[in-house]
Amino acid sequence: MDSNTKKSLADYIKEAEPYGDNETWVDDCTTLKDVARALVTLKKEINEGKFD
């Protein structure tokens, strides 16, 4: 990716690590990186059965 190309949400999701059990989630998600990390964490928690 050249320096003039912006990253997409999908790019950030590929790189994102879920929040750890002792971490506080970012409440306002003002960047794509914050959104990606929240989505990755939600997916992880759904897969673990934390939601119905």
N, C-alpha and C. Protein backbone atom coordinates (compact mmCIF):
# COMPACT_ATOMS: atom_id res chain seq x y z
N MET A 1 0.86 -1.18 0.00
CA MET A 1 0.00 0.00 0.00
C MET A 1 0.90 1.23 0.00
N ASP A 2 0.69 2.12 -0.94
CA ASP A 2 1.53 3.30 -0.98
C ASP A 2 1.07 4.33 0.05
N SER A 3 1.88 5.34 0.28
CA SER A 3 1.61 6.29 1.36
C SER A 3 0.40 7.18 1.08
N ASN A 4 -0.10 7.22 -0.16
CA ASN A 4 -1.26 8.03 -0.47
C ASN A 4 -2.57 7.26 -0.34
N THR A 5 -2.50 5.99 -0.07
CA THR A 5 -3.69 5.16 0.04
C THR A 5 -4.10 5.06 1.50
N LYS A 6 -5.36 5.38 1.76
CA LYS A 6 -5.86 5.28 3.13
C LYS A 6 -6.29 3.85 3.42
N LYS A 7 -6.16 3.45 4.67
CA LYS A 7 -6.57 2.12 5.08
C LYS A 7 -8.09 2.08 5.22
N SER A 8 -8.66 0.95 4.87
CA SER A 8 -10.09 0.76 5.03
C SER A 8 -10.38 0.10 6.37
N LEU A 9 -11.64 0.07 6.74
CA LEU A 9 -12.04 -0.59 7.98
C LEU A 9 -11.62 -2.06 7.93
N ALA A 10 -11.76 -2.68 6.78
CA ALA A 10 -11.37 -4.09 6.64
C ALA A 10 -9.88 -4.28 6.92
N ASP A 11 -9.06 -3.34 6.49
CA ASP A 11 -7.62 -3.42 6.77
C ASP A 11 -7.36 -3.36 8.27
N TYR A 12 -8.05 -2.46 8.94
CA TYR A 12 -7.87 -2.34 10.39
C TYR A 12 -8.37 -3.58 11.12
N ILE A 13 -9.48 -4.16 10.64
CA ILE A 13 -10.01 -5.36 11.28
C ILE A 13 -9.01 -6.50 11.19
N LYS A 14 -8.33 -6.63 10.05
CA LYS A 14 -7.33 -7.68 9.88
C LYS A 14 -6.20 -7.55 10.89
N GLU A 15 -5.89 -6.33 11.30
CA GLU A 15 -4.77 -6.06 12.20
C GLU A 15 -5.18 -5.98 13.67
N ALA A 16 -6.47 -5.83 13.94
CA ALA A 16 -6.94 -5.54 15.29
C ALA A 16 -6.83 -6.74 16.23
N GLU A 17 -6.49 -6.45 17.45
CA GLU A 17 -6.49 -7.44 18.53
C GLU A 17 -7.69 -7.14 19.42
N PRO A 18 -8.41 -8.16 19.89
CA PRO A 18 -9.54 -7.90 20.78
C PRO A 18 -9.07 -7.31 22.11
N TYR A 19 -9.97 -6.60 22.75
CA TYR A 19 -9.67 -6.07 24.08
C TYR A 19 -9.48 -7.23 25.04
N GLY A 20 -8.56 -7.06 25.97
CA GLY A 20 -8.34 -8.05 27.00
C GLY A 20 -9.40 -7.92 28.09
N ASP A 21 -9.49 -8.92 28.94
CA ASP A 21 -10.50 -8.92 30.00
C ASP A 21 -10.35 -7.74 30.96
N ASN A 22 -9.14 -7.24 31.13
CA ASN A 22 -8.91 -6.17 32.09
C ASN A 22 -8.80 -4.79 31.44
N GLU A 23 -9.07 -4.70 30.13
CA GLU A 23 -8.98 -3.43 29.43
C GLU A 23 -10.34 -2.74 29.37
N THR A 24 -10.31 -1.43 29.35
CA THR A 24 -11.52 -0.64 29.19
C THR A 24 -11.69 -0.29 27.73
N TRP A 25 -12.86 -0.57 27.18
CA TRP A 25 -13.15 -0.27 25.79
C TRP A 25 -13.22 1.23 25.58
N VAL A 26 -12.84 1.68 24.40
CA VAL A 26 -12.99 3.09 24.02
C VAL A 26 -14.47 3.32 23.79
N ASP A 27 -15.05 4.30 24.49
CA ASP A 27 -16.49 4.55 24.39
C ASP A 27 -16.91 5.30 23.14
N ASP A 28 -16.10 6.23 22.68
CA ASP A 28 -16.56 7.08 21.58
C ASP A 28 -16.09 6.63 20.20
N CYS A 29 -15.17 5.69 20.08
CA CYS A 29 -14.72 5.14 18.79
C CYS A 29 -14.65 6.21 17.71
N THR A 30 -13.70 7.09 17.82
CA THR A 30 -13.58 8.19 16.86
C THR A 30 -12.68 7.87 15.67
N THR A 31 -12.03 6.71 15.68
CA THR A 31 -11.17 6.33 14.56
C THR A 31 -11.58 4.95 14.05
N LEU A 32 -11.21 4.66 12.83
CA LEU A 32 -11.48 3.33 12.28
C LEU A 32 -10.76 2.24 13.08
N LYS A 33 -9.61 2.58 13.60
CA LYS A 33 -8.86 1.62 14.43
C LYS A 33 -9.66 1.25 15.68
N ASP A 34 -10.29 2.24 16.31
CA ASP A 34 -11.12 1.98 17.50
C ASP A 34 -12.34 1.13 17.14
N VAL A 35 -12.98 1.45 16.03
CA VAL A 35 -14.15 0.69 15.58
C VAL A 35 -13.76 -0.75 15.28
N ALA A 36 -12.66 -0.94 14.59
CA ALA A 36 -12.19 -2.28 14.25
C ALA A 36 -11.93 -3.10 15.49
N ARG A 37 -11.30 -2.51 16.46
CA ARG A 37 -10.99 -3.26 17.69
C ARG A 37 -12.27 -3.64 18.44
N ALA A 38 -13.24 -2.74 18.45
CA ALA A 38 -14.52 -3.05 19.10
C ALA A 38 -15.23 -4.19 18.36
N LEU A 39 -15.23 -4.15 17.02
CA LEU A 39 -15.88 -5.20 16.25
C LEU A 39 -15.20 -6.55 16.44
N VAL A 40 -13.89 -6.56 16.46
CA VAL A 40 -13.15 -7.81 16.66
C VAL A 40 -13.45 -8.38 18.05
N THR A 41 -13.54 -7.52 19.03
CA THR A 41 -13.83 -7.96 20.39
C THR A 41 -15.26 -8.51 20.48
N LEU A 42 -16.22 -7.82 19.86
CA LEU A 42 -17.59 -8.31 19.87
C LEU A 42 -17.70 -9.66 19.19
N LYS A 43 -17.02 -9.84 18.07
CA LYS A 43 -17.05 -11.12 17.37
C LYS A 43 -16.48 -12.22 18.26
N LYS A 44 -15.39 -11.93 18.94
CA LYS A 44 -14.77 -12.90 19.85
C LYS A 44 -15.75 -13.29 20.96
N GLU A 45 -16.40 -12.30 21.54
CA GLU A 45 -17.33 -12.57 22.65
C GLU A 45 -18.57 -13.33 22.17
N ILE A 46 -19.05 -13.03 20.98
CA ILE A 46 -20.18 -13.78 20.42
C ILE A 46 -19.77 -15.24 20.21
N ASN A 47 -18.58 -15.45 19.65
CA ASN A 47 -18.10 -16.81 19.42
C ASN A 47 -17.90 -17.57 20.72
N GLU A 48 -17.60 -16.86 21.80
CA GLU A 48 -17.42 -17.50 23.11
C GLU A 48 -18.74 -17.72 23.82
N GLY A 49 -19.86 -17.28 23.22
CA GLY A 49 -21.18 -17.50 23.81
C GLY A 49 -21.57 -16.50 24.89
N LYS A 50 -20.95 -15.33 24.92
CA LYS A 50 -21.27 -14.34 25.94
C LYS A 50 -22.59 -13.63 25.65
N PHE A 51 -23.10 -13.76 24.40
CA PHE A 51 -24.37 -13.16 24.02
C PHE A 51 -25.28 -14.23 23.44
N ASP A 52 -26.57 -14.06 23.59
CA ASP A 52 -27.55 -15.00 23.02
C ASP A 52 -27.80 -14.67 21.57
